[in-house]
Amino acid sequence: RDQPYYDPIGDYPPGWIGYSAVTME
């Protein structure tokens, strides 16, 4: 995401935005 998840359920750090499975390259 381009902003934090709204209210994620689970053990996520503050400001969690997910992640990419690949690099931009």
PDBML (XML) file of the C-alpha atoms, coordinates in Angstrom:
<?xml version="1.0" encoding="UTF-8" ?>
<PDBx:datablock datablockName="MODEL"
   xmlns:PDBx="http://pdbml.pdb.org/schema/pdbx-v50.xsd"
   xmlns:xsi="http://www.w3.org/2001/XMLSchema-instance"
   xsi:schemaLocation="http://pdbml.pdb.org/schema/pdbx-v50.xsd pdbx-v50.xsd">
   <PDBx:atom_siteCategory>
      <PDBx:atom_site id="1">
         <PDBx:B_iso_or_equiv>0.00</PDBx:B_iso_or_equiv>
         <PDBx:Cartn_x>0.000</PDBx:Cartn_x>
         <PDBx:Cartn_y>0.000</PDBx:Cartn_y>
         <PDBx:Cartn_z>0.000</PDBx:Cartn_z>
         <PDBx:auth_asym_id>A</PDBx:auth_asym_id>
         <PDBx:auth_atom_id>CA</PDBx:auth_atom_id>
         <PDBx:auth_comp_id>ARG</PDBx:auth_comp_id>
         <PDBx:auth_seq_id>1</PDBx:auth_seq_id>
         <PDBx:group_PDB>ATOM</PDBx:group_PDB>
         <PDBx:label_alt_id xsi:nil="true" />
         <PDBx:label_asym_id>A</PDBx:label_asym_id>
         <PDBx:label_atom_id>CA</PDBx:label_atom_id>
         <PDBx:label_comp_id>ARG</PDBx:label_comp_id>
         <PDBx:label_entity_id>1</PDBx:label_entity_id>
         <PDBx:label_seq_id>1</PDBx:label_seq_id>
         <PDBx:occupancy>1.00</PDBx:occupancy>
         <PDBx:pdbx_PDB_model_num>1</PDBx:pdbx_PDB_model_num>
         <PDBx:type_symbol>C</PDBx:type_symbol>
      </PDBx:atom_site>
      <PDBx:atom_site id="2">
         <PDBx:B_iso_or_equiv>0.00</PDBx:B_iso_or_equiv>
         <PDBx:Cartn_x>0.844</PDBx:Cartn_x>
         <PDBx:Cartn_y>3.702</PDBx:Cartn_y>
         <PDBx:Cartn_z>-0.183</PDBx:Cartn_z>
         <PDBx:auth_asym_id>A</PDBx:auth_asym_id>
         <PDBx:auth_atom_id>CA</PDBx:auth_atom_id>
         <PDBx:auth_comp_id>ASP</PDBx:auth_comp_id>
         <PDBx:auth_seq_id>2</PDBx:auth_seq_id>
         <PDBx:group_PDB>ATOM</PDBx:group_PDB>
         <PDBx:label_alt_id xsi:nil="true" />
         <PDBx:label_asym_id>A</PDBx:label_asym_id>
         <PDBx:label_atom_id>CA</PDBx:label_atom_id>
         <PDBx:label_comp_id>ASP</PDBx:label_comp_id>
         <PDBx:label_entity_id>1</PDBx:label_entity_id>
         <PDBx:label_seq_id>2</PDBx:label_seq_id>
         <PDBx:occupancy>1.00</PDBx:occupancy>
         <PDBx:pdbx_PDB_model_num>1</PDBx:pdbx_PDB_model_num>
         <PDBx:type_symbol>C</PDBx:type_symbol>
      </PDBx:atom_site>
      <PDBx:atom_site id="3">
         <PDBx:B_iso_or_equiv>0.00</PDBx:B_iso_or_equiv>
         <PDBx:Cartn_x>-0.490</PDBx:Cartn_x>
         <PDBx:Cartn_y>4.298</PDBx:Cartn_y>
         <PDBx:Cartn_z>3.340</PDBx:Cartn_z>
         <PDBx:auth_asym_id>A</PDBx:auth_asym_id>
         <PDBx:auth_atom_id>CA</PDBx:auth_atom_id>
         <PDBx:auth_comp_id>GLN</PDBx:auth_comp_id>
         <PDBx:auth_seq_id>3</PDBx:auth_seq_id>
         <PDBx:group_PDB>ATOM</PDBx:group_PDB>
         <PDBx:label_alt_id xsi:nil="true" />
         <PDBx:label_asym_id>A</PDBx:label_asym_id>
         <PDBx:label_atom_id>CA</PDBx:label_atom_id>
         <PDBx:label_comp_id>GLN</PDBx:label_comp_id>
         <PDBx:label_entity_id>1</PDBx:label_entity_id>
         <PDBx:label_seq_id>3</PDBx:label_seq_id>
         <PDBx:occupancy>1.00</PDBx:occupancy>
         <PDBx:pdbx_PDB_model_num>1</PDBx:pdbx_PDB_model_num>
         <PDBx:type_symbol>C</PDBx:type_symbol>
      </PDBx:atom_site>
      <PDBx:atom_site id="4">
         <PDBx:B_iso_or_equiv>0.00</PDBx:B_iso_or_equiv>
         <PDBx:Cartn_x>-0.892</PDBx:Cartn_x>
         <PDBx:Cartn_y>2.243</PDBx:Cartn_y>
         <PDBx:Cartn_z>6.532</PDBx:Cartn_z>
         <PDBx:auth_asym_id>A</PDBx:auth_asym_id>
         <PDBx:auth_atom_id>CA</PDBx:auth_atom_id>
         <PDBx:auth_comp_id>PRO</PDBx:auth_comp_id>
         <PDBx:auth_seq_id>4</PDBx:auth_seq_id>
         <PDBx:group_PDB>ATOM</PDBx:group_PDB>
         <PDBx:label_alt_id xsi:nil="true" />
         <PDBx:label_asym_id>A</PDBx:label_asym_id>
         <PDBx:label_atom_id>CA</PDBx:label_atom_id>
         <PDBx:label_comp_id>PRO</PDBx:label_comp_id>
         <PDBx:label_entity_id>1</PDBx:label_entity_id>
         <PDBx:label_seq_id>4</PDBx:label_seq_id>
         <PDBx:occupancy>1.00</PDBx:occupancy>
         <PDBx:pdbx_PDB_model_num>1</PDBx:pdbx_PDB_model_num>
         <PDBx:type_symbol>C</PDBx:type_symbol>
      </PDBx:atom_site>
      <PDBx:atom_site id="5">
         <PDBx:B_iso_or_equiv>0.00</PDBx:B_iso_or_equiv>
         <PDBx:Cartn_x>-3.597</PDBx:Cartn_x>
         <PDBx:Cartn_y>-0.386</PDBx:Cartn_y>
         <PDBx:Cartn_z>6.814</PDBx:Cartn_z>
         <PDBx:auth_asym_id>A</PDBx:auth_asym_id>
         <PDBx:auth_atom_id>CA</PDBx:auth_atom_id>
         <PDBx:auth_comp_id>TYR</PDBx:auth_comp_id>
         <PDBx:auth_seq_id>5</PDBx:auth_seq_id>
         <PDBx:group_PDB>ATOM</PDBx:group_PDB>
         <PDBx:label_alt_id xsi:nil="true" />
         <PDBx:label_asym_id>A</PDBx:label_asym_id>
         <PDBx:label_atom_id>CA</PDBx:label_atom_id>
         <PDBx:label_comp_id>TYR</PDBx:label_comp_id>
         <PDBx:label_entity_id>1</PDBx:label_entity_id>
         <PDBx:label_seq_id>5</PDBx:label_seq_id>
         <PDBx:occupancy>1.00</PDBx:occupancy>
         <PDBx:pdbx_PDB_model_num>1</PDBx:pdbx_PDB_model_num>
         <PDBx:type_symbol>C</PDBx:type_symbol>
      </PDBx:atom_site>
      <PDBx:atom_site id="6">
         <PDBx:B_iso_or_equiv>0.00</PDBx:B_iso_or_equiv>
         <PDBx:Cartn_x>-6.671</PDBx:Cartn_x>
         <PDBx:Cartn_y>0.908</PDBx:Cartn_y>
         <PDBx:Cartn_z>8.604</PDBx:Cartn_z>
         <PDBx:auth_asym_id>A</PDBx:auth_asym_id>
         <PDBx:auth_atom_id>CA</PDBx:auth_atom_id>
         <PDBx:auth_comp_id>TYR</PDBx:auth_comp_id>
         <PDBx:auth_seq_id>6</PDBx:auth_seq_id>
         <PDBx:group_PDB>ATOM</PDBx:group_PDB>
         <PDBx:label_alt_id xsi:nil="true" />
         <PDBx:label_asym_id>A</PDBx:label_asym_id>
         <PDBx:label_atom_id>CA</PDBx:label_atom_id>
         <PDBx:label_comp_id>TYR</PDBx:label_comp_id>
         <PDBx:label_entity_id>1</PDBx:label_entity_id>
         <PDBx:label_seq_id>6</PDBx:label_seq_id>
         <PDBx:occupancy>1.00</PDBx:occupancy>
         <PDBx:pdbx_PDB_model_num>1</PDBx:pdbx_PDB_model_num>
         <PDBx:type_symbol>C</PDBx:type_symbol>
      </PDBx:atom_site>
      <PDBx:atom_site id="7">
         <PDBx:B_iso_or_equiv>0.00</PDBx:B_iso_or_equiv>
         <PDBx:Cartn_x>-6.851</PDBx:Cartn_x>
         <PDBx:Cartn_y>-1.487</PDBx:Cartn_y>
         <PDBx:Cartn_z>11.572</PDBx:Cartn_z>
         <PDBx:auth_asym_id>A</PDBx:auth_asym_id>
         <PDBx:auth_atom_id>CA</PDBx:auth_atom_id>
         <PDBx:auth_comp_id>ASP</PDBx:auth_comp_id>
         <PDBx:auth_seq_id>7</PDBx:auth_seq_id>
         <PDBx:group_PDB>ATOM</PDBx:group_PDB>
         <PDBx:label_alt_id xsi:nil="true" />
         <PDBx:label_asym_id>A</PDBx:label_asym_id>
         <PDBx:label_atom_id>CA</PDBx:label_atom_id>
         <PDBx:label_comp_id>ASP</PDBx:label_comp_id>
         <PDBx:label_entity_id>1</PDBx:label_entity_id>
         <PDBx:label_seq_id>7</PDBx:label_seq_id>
         <PDBx:occupancy>1.00</PDBx:occupancy>
         <PDBx:pdbx_PDB_model_num>1</PDBx:pdbx_PDB_model_num>
         <PDBx:type_symbol>C</PDBx:type_symbol>
      </PDBx:atom_site>
      <PDBx:atom_site id="8">
         <PDBx:B_iso_or_equiv>0.00</PDBx:B_iso_or_equiv>
         <PDBx:Cartn_x>-4.993</PDBx:Cartn_x>
         <PDBx:Cartn_y>-4.715</PDBx:Cartn_y>
         <PDBx:Cartn_z>10.757</PDBx:Cartn_z>
         <PDBx:auth_asym_id>A</PDBx:auth_asym_id>
         <PDBx:auth_atom_id>CA</PDBx:auth_atom_id>
         <PDBx:auth_comp_id>PRO</PDBx:auth_comp_id>
         <PDBx:auth_seq_id>8</PDBx:auth_seq_id>
         <PDBx:group_PDB>ATOM</PDBx:group_PDB>
         <PDBx:label_alt_id xsi:nil="true" />
         <PDBx:label_asym_id>A</PDBx:label_asym_id>
         <PDBx:label_atom_id>CA</PDBx:label_atom_id>
         <PDBx:label_comp_id>PRO</PDBx:label_comp_id>
         <PDBx:label_entity_id>1</PDBx:label_entity_id>
         <PDBx:label_seq_id>8</PDBx:label_seq_id>
         <PDBx:occupancy>1.00</PDBx:occupancy>
         <PDBx:pdbx_PDB_model_num>1</PDBx:pdbx_PDB_model_num>
         <PDBx:type_symbol>C</PDBx:type_symbol>
      </PDBx:atom_site>
      <PDBx:atom_site id="9">
         <PDBx:B_iso_or_equiv>0.00</PDBx:B_iso_or_equiv>
         <PDBx:Cartn_x>-5.750</PDBx:Cartn_x>
         <PDBx:Cartn_y>-7.723</PDBx:Cartn_y>
         <PDBx:Cartn_z>12.924</PDBx:Cartn_z>
         <PDBx:auth_asym_id>A</PDBx:auth_asym_id>
         <PDBx:auth_atom_id>CA</PDBx:auth_atom_id>
         <PDBx:auth_comp_id>ILE</PDBx:auth_comp_id>
         <PDBx:auth_seq_id>9</PDBx:auth_seq_id>
         <PDBx:group_PDB>ATOM</PDBx:group_PDB>
         <PDBx:label_alt_id xsi:nil="true" />
         <PDBx:label_asym_id>A</PDBx:label_asym_id>
         <PDBx:label_atom_id>CA</PDBx:label_atom_id>
         <PDBx:label_comp_id>ILE</PDBx:label_comp_id>
         <PDBx:label_entity_id>1</PDBx:label_entity_id>
         <PDBx:label_seq_id>9</PDBx:label_seq_id>
         <PDBx:occupancy>1.00</PDBx:occupancy>
         <PDBx:pdbx_PDB_model_num>1</PDBx:pdbx_PDB_model_num>
         <PDBx:type_symbol>C</PDBx:type_symbol>
      </PDBx:atom_site>
      <PDBx:atom_site id="10">
         <PDBx:B_iso_or_equiv>0.00</PDBx:B_iso_or_equiv>
         <PDBx:Cartn_x>-2.578</PDBx:Cartn_x>
         <PDBx:Cartn_y>-9.537</PDBx:Cartn_y>
         <PDBx:Cartn_z>13.919</PDBx:Cartn_z>
         <PDBx:auth_asym_id>A</PDBx:auth_asym_id>
         <PDBx:auth_atom_id>CA</PDBx:auth_atom_id>
         <PDBx:auth_comp_id>GLY</PDBx:auth_comp_id>
         <PDBx:auth_seq_id>10</PDBx:auth_seq_id>
         <PDBx:group_PDB>ATOM</PDBx:group_PDB>
         <PDBx:label_alt_id xsi:nil="true" />
         <PDBx:label_asym_id>A</PDBx:label_asym_id>
         <PDBx:label_atom_id>CA</PDBx:label_atom_id>
         <PDBx:label_comp_id>GLY</PDBx:label_comp_id>
         <PDBx:label_entity_id>1</PDBx:label_entity_id>
         <PDBx:label_seq_id>10</PDBx:label_seq_id>
         <PDBx:occupancy>1.00</PDBx:occupancy>
         <PDBx:pdbx_PDB_model_num>1</PDBx:pdbx_PDB_model_num>
         <PDBx:type_symbol>C</PDBx:type_symbol>
      </PDBx:atom_site>
      <PDBx:atom_site id="11">
         <PDBx:B_iso_or_equiv>0.00</PDBx:B_iso_or_equiv>
         <PDBx:Cartn_x>0.928</PDBx:Cartn_x>
         <PDBx:Cartn_y>-8.842</PDBx:Cartn_y>
         <PDBx:Cartn_z>15.130</PDBx:Cartn_z>
         <PDBx:auth_asym_id>A</PDBx:auth_asym_id>
         <PDBx:auth_atom_id>CA</PDBx:auth_atom_id>
         <PDBx:auth_comp_id>ASP</PDBx:auth_comp_id>
         <PDBx:auth_seq_id>11</PDBx:auth_seq_id>
         <PDBx:group_PDB>ATOM</PDBx:group_PDB>
         <PDBx:label_alt_id xsi:nil="true" />
         <PDBx:label_asym_id>A</PDBx:label_asym_id>
         <PDBx:label_atom_id>CA</PDBx:label_atom_id>
         <PDBx:label_comp_id>ASP</PDBx:label_comp_id>
         <PDBx:label_entity_id>1</PDBx:label_entity_id>
         <PDBx:label_seq_id>11</PDBx:label_seq_id>
         <PDBx:occupancy>1.00</PDBx:occupancy>
         <PDBx:pdbx_PDB_model_num>1</PDBx:pdbx_PDB_model_num>
         <PDBx:type_symbol>C</PDBx:type_symbol>
      </PDBx:atom_site>
      <PDBx:atom_site id="12">
         <PDBx:B_iso_or_equiv>0.00</PDBx:B_iso_or_equiv>
         <PDBx:Cartn_x>1.763</PDBx:Cartn_x>
         <PDBx:Cartn_y>-5.947</PDBx:Cartn_y>
         <PDBx:Cartn_z>12.803</PDBx:Cartn_z>
         <PDBx:auth_asym_id>A</PDBx:auth_asym_id>
         <PDBx:auth_atom_id>CA</PDBx:auth_atom_id>
         <PDBx:auth_comp_id>TYR</PDBx:auth_comp_id>
         <PDBx:auth_seq_id>12</PDBx:auth_seq_id>
         <PDBx:group_PDB>ATOM</PDBx:group_PDB>
         <PDBx:label_alt_id xsi:nil="true" />
         <PDBx:label_asym_id>A</PDBx:label_asym_id>
         <PDBx:label_atom_id>CA</PDBx:label_atom_id>
         <PDBx:label_comp_id>TYR</PDBx:label_comp_id>
         <PDBx:label_entity_id>1</PDBx:label_entity_id>
         <PDBx:label_seq_id>12</PDBx:label_seq_id>
         <PDBx:occupancy>1.00</PDBx:occupancy>
         <PDBx:pdbx_PDB_model_num>1</PDBx:pdbx_PDB_model_num>
         <PDBx:type_symbol>C</PDBx:type_symbol>
      </PDBx:atom_site>
      <PDBx:atom_site id="13">
         <PDBx:B_iso_or_equiv>0.00</PDBx:B_iso_or_equiv>
         <PDBx:Cartn_x>4.050</PDBx:Cartn_x>
         <PDBx:Cartn_y>-3.006</PDBx:Cartn_y>
         <PDBx:Cartn_z>13.596</PDBx:Cartn_z>
         <PDBx:auth_asym_id>A</PDBx:auth_asym_id>
         <PDBx:auth_atom_id>CA</PDBx:auth_atom_id>
         <PDBx:auth_comp_id>PRO</PDBx:auth_comp_id>
         <PDBx:auth_seq_id>13</PDBx:auth_seq_id>
         <PDBx:group_PDB>ATOM</PDBx:group_PDB>
         <PDBx:label_alt_id xsi:nil="true" />
         <PDBx:label_asym_id>A</PDBx:label_asym_id>
         <PDBx:label_atom_id>CA</PDBx:label_atom_id>
         <PDBx:label_comp_id>PRO</PDBx:label_comp_id>
         <PDBx:label_entity_id>1</PDBx:label_entity_id>
         <PDBx:label_seq_id>13</PDBx:label_seq_id>
         <PDBx:occupancy>1.00</PDBx:occupancy>
         <PDBx:pdbx_PDB_model_num>1</PDBx:pdbx_PDB_model_num>
         <PDBx:type_symbol>C</PDBx:type_symbol>
      </PDBx:atom_site>
      <PDBx:atom_site id="14">
         <PDBx:B_iso_or_equiv>0.00</PDBx:B_iso_or_equiv>
         <PDBx:Cartn_x>2.657</PDBx:Cartn_x>
         <PDBx:Cartn_y>0.565</PDBx:Cartn_y>
         <PDBx:Cartn_z>13.577</PDBx:Cartn_z>
         <PDBx:auth_asym_id>A</PDBx:auth_asym_id>
         <PDBx:auth_atom_id>CA</PDBx:auth_atom_id>
         <PDBx:auth_comp_id>PRO</PDBx:auth_comp_id>
         <PDBx:auth_seq_id>14</PDBx:auth_seq_id>
         <PDBx:group_PDB>ATOM</PDBx:group_PDB>
         <PDBx:label_alt_id xsi:nil="true" />
         <PDBx:label_asym_id>A</PDBx:label_asym_id>
         <PDBx:label_atom_id>CA</PDBx:label_atom_id>
         <PDBx:label_comp_id>PRO</PDBx:label_comp_id>
         <PDBx:label_entity_id>1</PDBx:label_entity_id>
         <PDBx:label_seq_id>14</PDBx:label_seq_id>
         <PDBx:occupancy>1.00</PDBx:occupancy>
         <PDBx:pdbx_PDB_model_num>1</PDBx:pdbx_PDB_model_num>
         <PDBx:type_symbol>C</PDBx:type_symbol>
      </PDBx:atom_site>
      <PDBx:atom_site id="15">
         <PDBx:B_iso_or_equiv>0.00</PDBx:B_iso_or_equiv>
         <PDBx:Cartn_x>2.318</PDBx:Cartn_x>
         <PDBx:Cartn_y>1.977</PDBx:Cartn_y>
         <PDBx:Cartn_z>10.080</PDBx:Cartn_z>
         <PDBx:auth_asym_id>A</PDBx:auth_asym_id>
         <PDBx:auth_atom_id>CA</PDBx:auth_atom_id>
         <PDBx:auth_comp_id>GLY</PDBx:auth_comp_id>
         <PDBx:auth_seq_id>15</PDBx:auth_seq_id>
         <PDBx:group_PDB>ATOM</PDBx:group_PDB>
         <PDBx:label_alt_id xsi:nil="true" />
         <PDBx:label_asym_id>A</PDBx:label_asym_id>
         <PDBx:label_atom_id>CA</PDBx:label_atom_id>
         <PDBx:label_comp_id>GLY</PDBx:label_comp_id>
         <PDBx:label_entity_id>1</PDBx:label_entity_id>
         <PDBx:label_seq_id>15</PDBx:label_seq_id>
         <PDBx:occupancy>1.00</PDBx:occupancy>
         <PDBx:pdbx_PDB_model_num>1</PDBx:pdbx_PDB_model_num>
         <PDBx:type_symbol>C</PDBx:type_symbol>
      </PDBx:atom_site>
      <PDBx:atom_site id="16">
         <PDBx:B_iso_or_equiv>0.00</PDBx:B_iso_or_equiv>
         <PDBx:Cartn_x>2.180</PDBx:Cartn_x>
         <PDBx:Cartn_y>-1.441</PDBx:Cartn_y>
         <PDBx:Cartn_z>8.393</PDBx:Cartn_z>
         <PDBx:auth_asym_id>A</PDBx:auth_asym_id>
         <PDBx:auth_atom_id>CA</PDBx:auth_atom_id>
         <PDBx:auth_comp_id>TRP</PDBx:auth_comp_id>
         <PDBx:auth_seq_id>16</PDBx:auth_seq_id>
         <PDBx:group_PDB>ATOM</PDBx:group_PDB>
         <PDBx:label_alt_id xsi:nil="true" />
         <PDBx:label_asym_id>A</PDBx:label_asym_id>
         <PDBx:label_atom_id>CA</PDBx:label_atom_id>
         <PDBx:label_comp_id>TRP</PDBx:label_comp_id>
         <PDBx:label_entity_id>1</PDBx:label_entity_id>
         <PDBx:label_seq_id>16</PDBx:label_seq_id>
         <PDBx:occupancy>1.00</PDBx:occupancy>
         <PDBx:pdbx_PDB_model_num>1</PDBx:pdbx_PDB_model_num>
         <PDBx:type_symbol>C</PDBx:type_symbol>
      </PDBx:atom_site>
      <PDBx:atom_site id="17">
         <PDBx:B_iso_or_equiv>0.00</PDBx:B_iso_or_equiv>
         <PDBx:Cartn_x>1.779</PDBx:Cartn_x>
         <PDBx:Cartn_y>-1.076</PDBx:Cartn_y>
         <PDBx:Cartn_z>4.608</PDBx:Cartn_z>
         <PDBx:auth_asym_id>A</PDBx:auth_asym_id>
         <PDBx:auth_atom_id>CA</PDBx:auth_atom_id>
         <PDBx:auth_comp_id>ILE</PDBx:auth_comp_id>
         <PDBx:auth_seq_id>17</PDBx:auth_seq_id>
         <PDBx:group_PDB>ATOM</PDBx:group_PDB>
         <PDBx:label_alt_id xsi:nil="true" />
         <PDBx:label_asym_id>A</PDBx:label_asym_id>
         <PDBx:label_atom_id>CA</PDBx:label_atom_id>
         <PDBx:label_comp_id>ILE</PDBx:label_comp_id>
         <PDBx:label_entity_id>1</PDBx:label_entity_id>
         <PDBx:label_seq_id>17</PDBx:label_seq_id>
         <PDBx:occupancy>1.00</PDBx:occupancy>
         <PDBx:pdbx_PDB_model_num>1</PDBx:pdbx_PDB_model_num>
         <PDBx:type_symbol>C</PDBx:type_symbol>
      </PDBx:atom_site>
      <PDBx:atom_site id="18">
         <PDBx:B_iso_or_equiv>0.00</PDBx:B_iso_or_equiv>
         <PDBx:Cartn_x>2.443</PDBx:Cartn_x>
         <PDBx:Cartn_y>-4.631</PDBx:Cartn_y>
         <PDBx:Cartn_z>3.423</PDBx:Cartn_z>
         <PDBx:auth_asym_id>A</PDBx:auth_asym_id>
         <PDBx:auth_atom_id>CA</PDBx:auth_atom_id>
         <PDBx:auth_comp_id>GLY</PDBx:auth_comp_id>
         <PDBx:auth_seq_id>18</PDBx:auth_seq_id>
         <PDBx:group_PDB>ATOM</PDBx:group_PDB>
         <PDBx:label_alt_id xsi:nil="true" />
         <PDBx:label_asym_id>A</PDBx:label_asym_id>
         <PDBx:label_atom_id>CA</PDBx:label_atom_id>
         <PDBx:label_comp_id>GLY</PDBx:label_comp_id>
         <PDBx:label_entity_id>1</PDBx:label_entity_id>
         <PDBx:label_seq_id>18</PDBx:label_seq_id>
         <PDBx:occupancy>1.00</PDBx:occupancy>
         <PDBx:pdbx_PDB_model_num>1</PDBx:pdbx_PDB_model_num>
         <PDBx:type_symbol>C</PDBx:type_symbol>
      </PDBx:atom_site>
      <PDBx:atom_site id="19">
         <PDBx:B_iso_or_equiv>0.00</PDBx:B_iso_or_equiv>
         <PDBx:Cartn_x>5.354</PDBx:Cartn_x>
         <PDBx:Cartn_y>-5.412</PDBx:Cartn_y>
         <PDBx:Cartn_z>1.150</PDBx:Cartn_z>
         <PDBx:auth_asym_id>A</PDBx:auth_asym_id>
         <PDBx:auth_atom_id>CA</PDBx:auth_atom_id>
         <PDBx:auth_comp_id>TYR</PDBx:auth_comp_id>
         <PDBx:auth_seq_id>19</PDBx:auth_seq_id>
         <PDBx:group_PDB>ATOM</PDBx:group_PDB>
         <PDBx:label_alt_id xsi:nil="true" />
         <PDBx:label_asym_id>A</PDBx:label_asym_id>
         <PDBx:label_atom_id>CA</PDBx:label_atom_id>
         <PDBx:label_comp_id>TYR</PDBx:label_comp_id>
         <PDBx:label_entity_id>1</PDBx:label_entity_id>
         <PDBx:label_seq_id>19</PDBx:label_seq_id>
         <PDBx:occupancy>1.00</PDBx:occupancy>
         <PDBx:pdbx_PDB_model_num>1</PDBx:pdbx_PDB_model_num>
         <PDBx:type_symbol>C</PDBx:type_symbol>
      </PDBx:atom_site>
      <PDBx:atom_site id="20">
         <PDBx:B_iso_or_equiv>0.00</PDBx:B_iso_or_equiv>
         <PDBx:Cartn_x>6.439</PDBx:Cartn_x>
         <PDBx:Cartn_y>-6.208</PDBx:Cartn_y>
         <PDBx:Cartn_z>-2.367</PDBx:Cartn_z>
         <PDBx:auth_asym_id>A</PDBx:auth_asym_id>
         <PDBx:auth_atom_id>CA</PDBx:auth_atom_id>
         <PDBx:auth_comp_id>SER</PDBx:auth_comp_id>
         <PDBx:auth_seq_id>20</PDBx:auth_seq_id>
         <PDBx:group_PDB>ATOM</PDBx:group_PDB>
         <PDBx:label_alt_id xsi:nil="true" />
         <PDBx:label_asym_id>A</PDBx:label_asym_id>
         <PDBx:label_atom_id>CA</PDBx:label_atom_id>
         <PDBx:label_comp_id>SER</PDBx:label_comp_id>
         <PDBx:label_entity_id>1</PDBx:label_entity_id>
         <PDBx:label_seq_id>20</PDBx:label_seq_id>
         <PDBx:occupancy>1.00</PDBx:occupancy>
         <PDBx:pdbx_PDB_model_num>1</PDBx:pdbx_PDB_model_num>
         <PDBx:type_symbol>C</PDBx:type_symbol>
      </PDBx:atom_site>
      <PDBx:atom_site id="21">
         <PDBx:B_iso_or_equiv>0.00</PDBx:B_iso_or_equiv>
         <PDBx:Cartn_x>7.239</PDBx:Cartn_x>
         <PDBx:Cartn_y>-9.759</PDBx:Cartn_y>
         <PDBx:Cartn_z>-3.392</PDBx:Cartn_z>
         <PDBx:auth_asym_id>A</PDBx:auth_asym_id>
         <PDBx:auth_atom_id>CA</PDBx:auth_atom_id>
         <PDBx:auth_comp_id>ALA</PDBx:auth_comp_id>
         <PDBx:auth_seq_id>21</PDBx:auth_seq_id>
         <PDBx:group_PDB>ATOM</PDBx:group_PDB>
         <PDBx:label_alt_id xsi:nil="true" />
         <PDBx:label_asym_id>A</PDBx:label_asym_id>
         <PDBx:label_atom_id>CA</PDBx:label_atom_id>
         <PDBx:label_comp_id>ALA</PDBx:label_comp_id>
         <PDBx:label_entity_id>1</PDBx:label_entity_id>
         <PDBx:label_seq_id>21</PDBx:label_seq_id>
         <PDBx:occupancy>1.00</PDBx:occupancy>
         <PDBx:pdbx_PDB_model_num>1</PDBx:pdbx_PDB_model_num>
         <PDBx:type_symbol>C</PDBx:type_symbol>
      </PDBx:atom_site>
      <PDBx:atom_site id="22">
         <PDBx:B_iso_or_equiv>0.00</PDBx:B_iso_or_equiv>
         <PDBx:Cartn_x>9.666</PDBx:Cartn_x>
         <PDBx:Cartn_y>-8.510</PDBx:Cartn_y>
         <PDBx:Cartn_z>-6.058</PDBx:Cartn_z>
         <PDBx:auth_asym_id>A</PDBx:auth_asym_id>
         <PDBx:auth_atom_id>CA</PDBx:auth_atom_id>
         <PDBx:auth_comp_id>VAL</PDBx:auth_comp_id>
         <PDBx:auth_seq_id>22</PDBx:auth_seq_id>
         <PDBx:group_PDB>ATOM</PDBx:group_PDB>
         <PDBx:label_alt_id xsi:nil="true" />
         <PDBx:label_asym_id>A</PDBx:label_asym_id>
         <PDBx:label_atom_id>CA</PDBx:label_atom_id>
         <PDBx:label_comp_id>VAL</PDBx:label_comp_id>
         <PDBx:label_entity_id>1</PDBx:label_entity_id>
         <PDBx:label_seq_id>22</PDBx:label_seq_id>
         <PDBx:occupancy>1.00</PDBx:occupancy>
         <PDBx:pdbx_PDB_model_num>1</PDBx:pdbx_PDB_model_num>
         <PDBx:type_symbol>C</PDBx:type_symbol>
      </PDBx:atom_site>
      <PDBx:atom_site id="23">
         <PDBx:B_iso_or_equiv>0.00</PDBx:B_iso_or_equiv>
         <PDBx:Cartn_x>12.058</PDBx:Cartn_x>
         <PDBx:Cartn_y>-5.625</PDBx:Cartn_y>
         <PDBx:Cartn_z>-6.572</PDBx:Cartn_z>
         <PDBx:auth_asym_id>A</PDBx:auth_asym_id>
         <PDBx:auth_atom_id>CA</PDBx:auth_atom_id>
         <PDBx:auth_comp_id>THR</PDBx:auth_comp_id>
         <PDBx:auth_seq_id>23</PDBx:auth_seq_id>
         <PDBx:group_PDB>ATOM</PDBx:group_PDB>
         <PDBx:label_alt_id xsi:nil="true" />
         <PDBx:label_asym_id>A</PDBx:label_asym_id>
         <PDBx:label_atom_id>CA</PDBx:label_atom_id>
         <PDBx:label_comp_id>THR</PDBx:label_comp_id>
         <PDBx:label_entity_id>1</PDBx:label_entity_id>
         <PDBx:label_seq_id>23</PDBx:label_seq_id>
         <PDBx:occupancy>1.00</PDBx:occupancy>
         <PDBx:pdbx_PDB_model_num>1</PDBx:pdbx_PDB_model_num>
         <PDBx:type_symbol>C</PDBx:type_symbol>
      </PDBx:atom_site>
      <PDBx:atom_site id="24">
         <PDBx:B_iso_or_equiv>0.00</PDBx:B_iso_or_equiv>
         <PDBx:Cartn_x>11.416</PDBx:Cartn_x>
         <PDBx:Cartn_y>-2.600</PDBx:Cartn_y>
         <PDBx:Cartn_z>-8.770</PDBx:Cartn_z>
         <PDBx:auth_asym_id>A</PDBx:auth_asym_id>
         <PDBx:auth_atom_id>CA</PDBx:auth_atom_id>
         <PDBx:auth_comp_id>MET</PDBx:auth_comp_id>
         <PDBx:auth_seq_id>24</PDBx:auth_seq_id>
         <PDBx:group_PDB>ATOM</PDBx:group_PDB>
         <PDBx:label_alt_id xsi:nil="true" />
         <PDBx:label_asym_id>A</PDBx:label_asym_id>
         <PDBx:label_atom_id>CA</PDBx:label_atom_id>
         <PDBx:label_comp_id>MET</PDBx:label_comp_id>
         <PDBx:label_entity_id>1</PDBx:label_entity_id>
         <PDBx:label_seq_id>24</PDBx:label_seq_id>
         <PDBx:occupancy>1.00</PDBx:occupancy>
         <PDBx:pdbx_PDB_model_num>1</PDBx:pdbx_PDB_model_num>
         <PDBx:type_symbol>C</PDBx:type_symbol>
      </PDBx:atom_site>
      <PDBx:atom_site id="25">
         <PDBx:B_iso_or_equiv>0.00</PDBx:B_iso_or_equiv>
         <PDBx:Cartn_x>14.281</PDBx:Cartn_x>
         <PDBx:Cartn_y>-3.778</PDBx:Cartn_y>
         <PDBx:Cartn_z>-10.963</PDBx:Cartn_z>
         <PDBx:auth_asym_id>A</PDBx:auth_asym_id>
         <PDBx:auth_atom_id>CA</PDBx:auth_atom_id>
         <PDBx:auth_comp_id>GLU</PDBx:auth_comp_id>
         <PDBx:auth_seq_id>25</PDBx:auth_seq_id>
         <PDBx:group_PDB>ATOM</PDBx:group_PDB>
         <PDBx:label_alt_id xsi:nil="true" />
         <PDBx:label_asym_id>A</PDBx:label_asym_id>
         <PDBx:label_atom_id>CA</PDBx:label_atom_id>
         <PDBx:label_comp_id>GLU</PDBx:label_comp_id>
         <PDBx:label_entity_id>1</PDBx:label_entity_id>
         <PDBx:label_seq_id>25</PDBx:label_seq_id>
         <PDBx:occupancy>1.00</PDBx:occupancy>
         <PDBx:pdbx_PDB_model_num>1</PDBx:pdbx_PDB_model_num>
         <PDBx:type_symbol>C</PDBx:type_symbol>
      </PDBx:atom_site>
   </PDBx:atom_siteCategory>
</PDBx:datablock>
